[in-house]
Protein backbone atom coordinates (compact mmCIF):
# COMPACT_ATOMS: atom_id res chain seq x y z
CA UNK A 1 85.53 100.84 100.88
CA UNK A 2 86.35 99.05 97.92
CA UNK A 3 89.36 99.31 96.04
CA UNK A 4 87.07 99.79 93.09
CA UNK A 5 85.99 103.32 94.47
CA UNK A 6 86.81 106.09 92.17
CA UNK A 7 87.55 103.66 89.35
CA UNK A 8 86.33 104.31 86.00
CA UNK A 9 84.84 100.96 84.96
CA UNK A 10 83.51 99.95 81.31
CA UNK A 11 80.88 97.55 81.07
CA UNK A 12 80.70 95.40 78.04
CA UNK A 13 77.59 93.30 77.34
CA UNK A 14 77.01 90.81 74.79
CA UNK A 15 73.86 89.26 73.70
CA UNK A 16 73.01 86.46 76.27
CA UNK A 17 70.14 86.08 78.59
CA UNK A 18 72.39 86.40 81.21
CA UNK A 19 72.52 90.10 80.23
CA UNK A 20 69.35 90.66 82.75
CA UNK A 21 71.91 90.59 85.41
CA UNK A 22 73.62 93.65 84.38
CA UNK A 23 71.62 96.37 85.74
CA UNK A 24 72.29 94.67 89.24
CA UNK A 25 76.28 94.48 88.57
CA UNK A 26 76.03 98.26 87.35
CA UNK A 27 74.19 99.49 90.57
CA UNK A 28 76.60 97.58 92.95
CA UNK A 29 79.54 99.22 91.44
CA UNK A 30 77.75 102.70 91.53
CA UNK A 31 77.40 101.97 95.28
CA UNK A 32 81.01 101.29 95.75
CA UNK A 33 81.35 104.69 94.34
CA UNK A 34 82.87 103.59 90.85
CA UNK A 35 82.25 105.66 87.85
CA UNK A 36 80.58 103.12 85.09
CA UNK A 37 79.94 103.41 81.60
CA UNK A 38 78.26 100.67 79.30
CA UNK A 39 78.97 99.88 75.86
CA UNK A 40 76.60 97.11 74.16
CA UNK A 41 76.62 94.82 71.03
CA UNK A 42 73.45 95.34 69.01
CA UNK A 43 72.21 92.14 69.95
CA UNK A 44 72.35 92.73 73.66
CA UNK A 45 69.62 95.00 73.48
CA UNK A 46 67.23 92.10 72.87
CA UNK A 47 68.04 91.03 76.53
CA UNK A 48 68.27 94.49 78.56
CA UNK A 49 67.59 98.22 77.18
CA UNK A 50 69.85 101.07 76.62
CA UNK A 51 67.41 103.09 78.91
CA UNK A 52 67.73 100.77 81.80
CA UNK A 53 71.51 100.69 81.70
CA UNK A 54 71.89 104.41 81.34
CA UNK A 55 69.64 105.17 84.21
CA UNK A 56 71.41 103.01 86.82
CA UNK A 57 75.03 104.11 85.39
CA UNK A 58 73.94 107.64 85.21
CA UNK A 59 75.68 107.86 81.73
CA UNK A 60 74.97 107.54 78.09
CA UNK A 61 74.89 104.01 76.80
CA UNK A 62 76.97 103.07 73.68
CA UNK A 63 76.08 100.55 70.90
CA UNK A 64 76.84 101.75 67.65
CA UNK A 65 79.92 103.46 65.95
CA UNK A 66 77.80 106.66 65.39
CA UNK A 67 74.75 108.18 67.13
CA UNK A 68 72.08 110.49 65.68
CA UNK A 69 71.99 113.60 67.33
CA UNK A 70 69.64 116.18 65.65
CA UNK A 71 69.92 114.36 62.54
CA UNK A 72 73.80 114.75 62.70
CA UNK A 73 75.81 111.53 63.00
CA UNK A 74 78.43 111.69 65.90
CA UNK A 75 81.14 109.56 66.10
CA UNK A 76 81.40 107.53 69.35
CA UNK A 77 84.93 107.36 69.77
CA UNK A 78 85.96 103.61 71.06
CA UNK A 79 89.33 104.70 71.64
CA UNK A 80 88.69 107.24 73.87
CA UNK A 81 85.88 104.82 75.62
CA UNK A 82 89.00 102.45 76.03
CA UNK A 83 91.54 105.07 77.44
CA UNK A 84 88.75 106.36 79.98
CA UNK A 85 88.49 102.81 81.65
CA UNK A 86 90.54 101.76 84.29
CA UNK A 87 88.78 98.39 84.25
CA UNK A 88 87.03 96.69 81.33
CA UNK A 89 84.62 94.32 82.28
CA UNK A 90 82.69 92.15 79.59
CA UNK A 91 79.90 90.16 80.82
CA UNK A 92 78.13 88.29 79.79
CA UNK A 93 80.59 87.15 77.27
CA UNK A 94 79.00 84.83 74.72
CA UNK A 95 80.75 82.22 72.62
CA UNK A 96 80.52 84.36 69.46
CA UNK A 97 81.99 87.75 71.53
CA UNK A 98 84.80 85.32 72.97
CA UNK A 99 85.69 83.86 69.60
CA UNK A 100 85.62 87.51 68.19
CA UNK A 101 88.03 88.69 70.86
CA UNK A 102 90.27 85.90 70.13
CA UNK A 103 90.74 86.56 66.34
CA UNK A 104 90.66 89.97 66.70
CA UNK A 105 87.53 90.57 64.67
CA UNK A 106 86.07 93.98 65.06
CA UNK A 107 82.57 94.27 63.91
CA UNK A 108 81.02 96.13 66.62
CA UNK A 109 81.83 98.88 69.27
CA UNK A 110 82.50 96.39 72.02
CA UNK A 111 84.97 94.79 70.10
CA UNK A 112 86.64 97.90 69.13
CA UNK A 113 86.99 98.87 72.66
CA UNK A 114 88.42 95.60 73.60
CA UNK A 115 90.96 95.84 71.01
CA UNK A 116 91.92 99.32 71.76
CA UNK A 117 92.23 98.76 75.83
CA UNK A 118 95.34 98.73 77.76
CA UNK A 119 93.76 98.63 81.18
CA UNK A 120 92.91 95.22 83.03
CA UNK A 121 90.12 93.34 80.97
CA UNK A 122 87.74 90.73 82.96
CA UNK A 123 85.34 88.45 80.68
CA UNK A 124 82.59 86.70 82.49
CA UNK A 125 81.60 83.56 80.04
CA UNK A 126 78.02 82.99 79.98
CA UNK A 127 76.73 79.95 77.61
CA UNK A 128 75.19 76.64 77.74
CA UNK A 129 77.05 73.43 79.11
CA UNK A 130 78.26 71.32 75.86
CA UNK A 131 79.03 74.99 74.05
CA UNK A 132 81.23 75.98 76.94
CA UNK A 133 83.07 72.70 77.11
CA UNK A 134 83.45 72.75 73.17
CA UNK A 135 87.18 72.27 72.53
CA UNK A 136 87.11 75.36 70.02
CA UNK A 137 85.58 77.33 72.81
CA UNK A 138 88.15 76.40 75.18
CA UNK A 139 90.83 77.03 72.75
CA UNK A 140 89.54 80.64 72.29
CA UNK A 141 89.57 81.07 76.10
CA UNK A 142 92.85 80.16 76.35
CA UNK A 143 93.74 82.39 73.67
CA UNK A 144 92.32 85.24 75.46
CA UNK A 145 94.14 84.20 78.89
CA UNK A 146 97.56 84.14 77.02
CA UNK A 147 96.71 87.53 75.93
CA UNK A 148 96.87 88.99 79.62
CA UNK A 149 92.85 88.88 79.45
CA UNK A 150 91.33 87.69 82.88
CA UNK A 151 88.74 84.91 82.11
CA UNK A 152 86.42 84.54 85.26
CA UNK A 153 85.30 80.92 86.15
CA UNK A 154 81.63 80.27 85.01
CA UNK A 155 79.11 79.25 87.85
CA UNK A 156 76.95 75.70 87.88
CA UNK A 157 73.45 75.40 87.87
CA UNK A 158 70.09 75.60 85.72
CA UNK A 159 71.08 76.97 82.30
CA UNK A 160 68.51 78.56 79.82
CA UNK A 161 68.53 75.24 77.98
CA UNK A 162 67.17 73.56 80.95
CA UNK A 163 70.15 71.49 81.56
CA UNK A 164 71.94 71.41 84.78
CA UNK A 165 75.86 71.89 84.75
CA UNK A 166 78.75 74.75 84.20
CA UNK A 167 78.18 77.73 82.06
CA UNK A 168 76.28 80.17 83.76
CA UNK A 169 77.57 83.59 84.40
CA UNK A 170 78.83 84.47 87.82
CA UNK A 171 76.66 86.48 89.81
CA UNK A 172 77.08 90.25 89.95
CA UNK A 173 78.66 90.15 93.38
CA UNK A 174 80.97 87.03 92.28
CA UNK A 175 82.29 89.12 89.59
CA UNK A 176 82.89 92.15 91.55
CA UNK A 177 84.88 89.86 94.23
CA UNK A 178 86.73 88.29 91.57
CA UNK A 179 87.62 91.72 90.06
CA UNK A 180 88.50 93.12 93.62
CA UNK A 181 90.79 90.20 94.46
CA UNK A 182 92.57 89.96 91.28
CA UNK A 183 93.10 94.23 91.55
CA UNK A 184 94.30 93.98 95.06
CA UNK A 185 96.72 91.33 94.45
CA UNK A 186 98.43 93.43 91.38
CA UNK A 187 98.92 96.48 93.85
CA UNK A 188 102.44 96.64 95.10
CA UNK A 189 101.07 97.20 98.78
CA UNK A 190 98.79 94.59 98.95
CA UNK A 191 97.96 93.56 102.31
CA UNK A 192 100.67 95.62 103.83
CA UNK A 193 99.62 97.59 107.16
CA UNK A 194 100.42 101.35 107.24
CA UNK A 195 100.44 103.57 110.13
CA UNK A 196 100.77 107.12 109.43
CA UNK A 197 100.46 110.28 111.72
CA UNK A 198 99.57 113.70 110.76
CA UNK A 199 98.69 117.02 111.82
CA UNK A 200 99.62 118.95 114.96
CA UNK A 201 99.16 118.30 118.58
CA UNK A 202 97.48 120.79 121.04
CA UNK A 203 99.07 120.76 124.23
CA UNK A 204 96.31 122.45 126.72
CA UNK A 205 97.09 125.45 128.92
CA UNK A 206 93.46 125.48 129.95
CA UNK A 207 90.23 124.53 128.53
CA UNK A 208 90.02 126.98 125.62
CA UNK A 209 94.41 127.75 125.14
CA UNK A 210 96.98 125.57 123.86
CA UNK A 211 100.50 125.49 122.64
CA UNK A 212 101.55 123.79 119.61
CA UNK A 213 103.40 123.14 116.16
CA UNK A 214 101.87 124.51 112.86
CA UNK A 215 100.78 121.68 110.55
CA UNK A 216 98.07 121.38 108.32
CA UNK A 217 98.17 117.49 108.14
CA UNK A 218 98.12 117.79 104.09
CA UNK A 219 101.17 115.84 104.06
CA UNK A 220 100.27 112.94 106.05
CA UNK A 221 96.62 112.55 104.64
CA UNK A 222 98.48 112.91 101.02
CA UNK A 223 100.54 109.87 102.06
CA UNK A 224 97.65 107.87 103.52
CA UNK A 225 95.67 108.47 100.36
CA UNK A 226 98.57 107.14 98.05
CA UNK A 227 99.31 104.17 100.22
CA UNK A 228 95.68 103.10 100.00
CA UNK A 229 95.17 103.50 96.45
CA UNK A 230 98.31 101.17 96.09
CA UNK A 231 96.50 98.30 98.21
CA UNK A 232 97.62 99.07 101.94
CA UNK A 233 95.77 98.67 104.89
CA UNK A 234 95.88 102.52 106.41
CA UNK A 235 95.25 103.71 109.87
CA UNK A 236 95.76 107.53 109.93
CA UNK A 237 96.18 109.07 113.38
CA UNK A 238 95.65 112.38 113.12
CA UNK A 239 95.85 115.63 115.18
CA UNK A 240 93.66 118.52 115.23
CA UNK A 241 92.94 119.91 111.90
CA UNK A 242 90.25 121.43 109.65
CA UNK A 243 91.52 119.47 106.37
CA UNK A 244 88.72 118.42 104.36
CA UNK A 245 89.43 114.61 103.58
CA UNK A 246 88.11 111.94 101.48
CA UNK A 247 88.48 108.97 103.60
CA UNK A 248 87.78 106.02 101.42
CA UNK A 249 89.60 102.77 102.63
CA UNK A 250 91.32 105.02 105.45
CA UNK A 251 90.71 104.46 108.87
CA UNK A 252 91.39 107.83 110.64
CA UNK A 253 91.81 108.09 114.54
CA UNK A 254 91.61 111.55 115.77
CA UNK A 255 93.74 112.77 118.62
CA UNK A 256 94.17 116.19 120.51
CA UNK A 257 97.70 116.01 122.45
CA UNK A 258 101.20 114.46 122.23
CA UNK A 259 99.87 111.92 125.28
CA UNK A 260 97.14 110.64 122.84
CA UNK A 261 99.13 110.42 119.80
CA UNK A 262 101.45 108.16 121.88
CA UNK A 263 99.00 106.00 123.24
CA UNK A 264 97.33 105.35 119.75
CA UNK A 265 100.70 105.10 117.91
CA UNK A 266 101.78 102.34 120.81
CA UNK A 267 98.35 100.75 120.20
CA UNK A 268 99.01 99.93 116.64
CA UNK A 269 102.57 99.88 116.18
CA UNK A 270 103.11 96.20 116.58
CA UNK A 271 100.90 94.82 114.08
CA UNK A 272 102.29 97.80 111.29
CA UNK A 273 104.51 96.93 108.61
CA UNK A 274 105.42 100.61 107.47
CA UNK A 275 105.13 103.61 109.87
CA UNK A 276 105.26 107.12 108.44
CA UNK A 277 105.53 109.52 111.56
CA UNK A 278 104.86 112.95 109.61
CA UNK A 279 102.97 114.52 112.65
CA UNK A 280 104.29 117.92 113.77
CA UNK A 281 104.33 116.78 117.68
CA UNK A 282 104.47 119.68 119.93
CA UNK A 283 107.92 119.63 121.71
CA UNK A 284 106.82 121.11 124.88
CA UNK A 285 103.71 121.01 126.99
CA UNK A 286 102.54 122.78 130.24
CA UNK A 287 103.68 121.23 133.42
CA UNK A 288 100.37 121.90 134.79
CA UNK A 289 96.66 122.55 132.97
CA UNK A 290 94.38 124.90 134.62
CA UNK A 291 90.87 123.67 135.21
CA UNK A 292 89.21 126.88 134.42
CA UNK A 293 90.00 129.40 131.62
CA UNK A 294 92.61 131.91 132.74
CA UNK A 295 91.38 135.24 132.78
CA UNK A 296 93.16 138.07 130.76
CA UNK A 297 92.78 140.48 133.90
CA UNK A 298 94.60 137.97 136.22
CA UNK A 299 97.65 138.22 134.09
CA UNK A 300 99.98 135.52 133.44
CA UNK A 301 103.53 136.21 134.13
CA UNK A 302 104.79 132.56 132.63
CA UNK A 303 104.00 129.03 131.67
CA UNK A 304 106.09 126.28 133.17
CA UNK A 305 106.87 123.80 130.16
CA UNK A 306 108.12 120.27 129.96
CA UNK A 307 109.28 118.51 126.91
CA UNK A 308 106.82 115.96 125.35
CA UNK A 309 107.64 112.46 124.85
CA UNK A 310 109.83 111.71 121.99
CA UNK A 311 107.56 109.49 120.41
CA UNK A 312 109.43 108.48 117.15
CA UNK A 313 112.62 107.69 119.30
CA UNK A 314 110.69 105.75 121.36
CA UNK A 315 109.55 103.76 118.27
CA UNK A 316 113.13 103.25 117.11
CA UNK A 317 113.69 101.59 120.47
CA UNK A 318 111.00 98.99 120.20
CA UNK A 319 110.68 98.46 116.58
CA UNK A 320 111.25 94.93 115.31
CA UNK A 321 110.53 94.09 111.62
CA UNK A 322 108.57 97.80 110.85
CA UNK A 323 109.96 100.35 108.36
CA UNK A 324 110.26 103.33 110.33
CA UNK A 325 110.04 106.64 108.58
CA UNK A 326 110.45 110.26 110.28
CA UNK A 327 110.45 113.82 108.88
CA UNK A 328 112.67 116.46 109.54
CA UNK A 329 112.15 120.28 108.86
CA UNK A 330 115.45 122.01 109.54
CA UNK A 331 116.58 125.55 108.80
CA UNK A 332 120.47 125.12 109.37
CA UNK A 333 122.75 122.34 108.58
CA UNK A 334 119.99 120.51 106.96
CA UNK A 335 121.40 117.40 105.79
CA UNK A 336 123.67 116.69 108.59
CA UNK A 337 120.92 117.20 111.03
CA UNK A 338 118.64 114.92 109.50
CA UNK A 339 121.56 112.14 109.09
CA UNK A 340 122.02 112.55 112.79
CA UNK A 341 118.14 112.27 113.67
CA UNK A 342 117.97 109.11 111.44
CA UNK A 343 120.59 107.46 113.31
CA UNK A 344 119.95 108.50 116.81
CA UNK A 345 116.20 107.48 116.38
CA UNK A 346 117.10 104.31 114.71
CA UNK A 347 115.02 104.85 111.64
CA UNK A 348 115.10 103.32 108.16
CA UNK A 349 114.58 106.58 106.41
CA UNK A 350 113.92 110.33 106.83
CA UNK A 351 111.92 112.68 104.57
CA UNK A 352 113.74 116.18 104.68
CA UNK A 353 111.38 119.00 104.21
CA UNK A 354 112.97 121.93 102.69
CA UNK A 355 112.02 125.60 103.41
CA UNK A 356 112.83 128.02 100.15
CA UNK A 357 110.68 130.55 98.69
CA UNK A 358 107.57 129.01 100.40
CA UNK A 359 106.71 127.54 103.72
CA UNK A 360 105.76 123.94 103.23
CA UNK A 361 103.85 123.74 106.66
CA UNK A 362 100.95 125.91 105.13
CA UNK A 363 101.40 125.40 101.19
CA UNK A 364 99.85 122.54 99.31
CA UNK A 365 103.27 122.30 97.73
CA UNK A 366 106.50 120.49 99.33
CA UNK A 367 110.25 119.99 98.37
CA UNK A 368 112.04 116.99 99.93
CA UNK A 369 115.24 115.10 100.12
CA UNK A 370 114.81 111.34 100.99
CA UNK A 371 117.47 109.88 103.05
CA UNK A 372 117.39 105.94 103.41
CA UNK A 373 119.45 104.00 106.26
CA UNK A 374 122.76 104.03 104.32
CA UNK A 375 122.68 107.79 104.19
CA UNK A 376 121.84 107.69 100.22
CA UNK A 377 120.11 110.98 99.47
CA UNK A 378 117.47 111.13 96.76
CA UNK A 379 116.43 114.71 95.92
CA UNK A 380 113.26 115.87 94.42
CA UNK A 381 112.01 119.01 92.92
CA UNK A 382 108.93 121.00 94.33
CA UNK A 383 105.73 119.53 93.81
CA UNK A 384 102.40 119.24 95.08
CA UNK A 385 102.22 117.42 98.48
CA UNK A 386 100.00 114.66 96.52
CA UNK A 387 102.81 114.13 94.26
CA UNK A 388 105.35 114.24 97.00
CA UNK A 389 103.79 111.73 98.66
CA UNK A 390 103.77 109.57 95.78
CA UNK A 391 107.58 110.28 95.36
CA UNK A 392 107.93 109.04 99.20
CA UNK A 393 105.95 105.82 99.03
CA UNK A 394 107.82 104.86 95.83
CA UNK A 395 111.18 105.20 97.69
CA UNK A 396 109.60 103.16 100.47
CA UNK A 397 108.70 100.54 98.06
CA UNK A 398 112.28 100.35 96.73
CA UNK A 399 113.82 100.27 100.15
CA UNK A 400 111.64 97.88 101.85
CA UNK A 401 112.56 95.82 98.47
CA UNK A 402 116.16 96.16 98.91
CA UNK A 403 115.92 94.77 102.33
CA UNK A 404 113.99 91.71 101.21
CA UNK A 405 116.56 90.90 98.65
C-alpha cells in the first residue's frame, strides 16, 4: 500500500489547460485510500468543473472565501483547510499562481491556503516552453524552493501552443510517484526492515485443545502500525488472535505454535534491521500430541510437557547487525530480572511491561520501562498501547542513532 494511504491531501487547482488531468489525479489518490479535498482558483473552473472534482473526491470543492447556503454566506476557513492537510499538492501551477505564491500575494482561496499551510507542499508547474524558461519565472520557482516548497520537474512533449518542449505538467501517476518518494525519504525509518512478533502461540494437546500464554496481540500490532507509518518495511508474525487489524503497508504472516514462530522468525531474521519480539510464546508444549480428541469420559491424569525453544535467546546468538528488542512481563524483582534477561539473551534493549492496577495483557493500555544495552532506564506513564508503541519506536530510533555515531 501507498504511504499516502489515510493521509489528508489538499489539491489546489489553478487555471491552466492541464487542469483536465486533475480528476484522474484525485481518483488515483482515492484508490490509494487517501482523503482528498480540492480548492480551486476562479479561473480553473473554466477548465474543469467543481461538480466533477466534488464527485471524484467525495467532498465539497472550495473556490471562494464564502459560500451561499440558503441565502446565508458561510465562510470557507482557509486556515482550517490548511491545517486539515497532511500534504498540499498544487497542480496545475500556472505562472500566475507561482508568481503570487513567491510574492505572498493572497487574492484567492488557494493562495490563502498555501500561505497558511505548514504541511509539505508540492507544486506541479504547467505552462508553455518559453514562459517556463523565462528568467523571471525561474526566479519565482527558486524562491519557492528556498521557502521549502517542493517544486516538481516538468514534462517534455506537445504543448497547448503547438510547440514541443518543456513545460507540460507531469502526468497524475508521475506526480504521485514524486510525492510518495519524497515523503518516504523524509520518514525516519525509511527503507528499514522491521520484523515484529505478536500474539500468543497455541501448543496443541489434541486437535481441539491447546496450552498457551495469554496475549491479545495488540502491542505488537500497534508497534507494526507505528513503524509502517514512519516508513519501515514491516513483517508482522502474528500468533492466533481475533484482533481486528488495518494492515495497510504491513505484511502479516500467521503462525500457530512456537515451532512455526521460530521457523518464520529465522526465515526473515537475516534480512531484518530491527527485530521486536513482543509475542507471548508458550513456555511449554506437550511432549506428545494426541491425533484424536481426548474424551472427557476417558479422563486425563497428566500431560507431559517439555520447554519450548527460547526463540529470543537463539536470535541473540546469531544476530549480526540487527537491533534486537525483547519484552519482559515480571511480577517480582522487575527491573533486575529484566536486566538479567537483556544480558543473557544478548539483546540491544528490553521493554518491561508493568502490572499495576490493570492487566496489560488484556487491556488497551500499557505502562513500560525501556532499558537499553547500557542498562539505562527510561520510564513512561500509563498510556494507550498505540501511544506506548510510539514511545518504544522513538526509543529504538534514538538508540540505533547512538550506535551509528
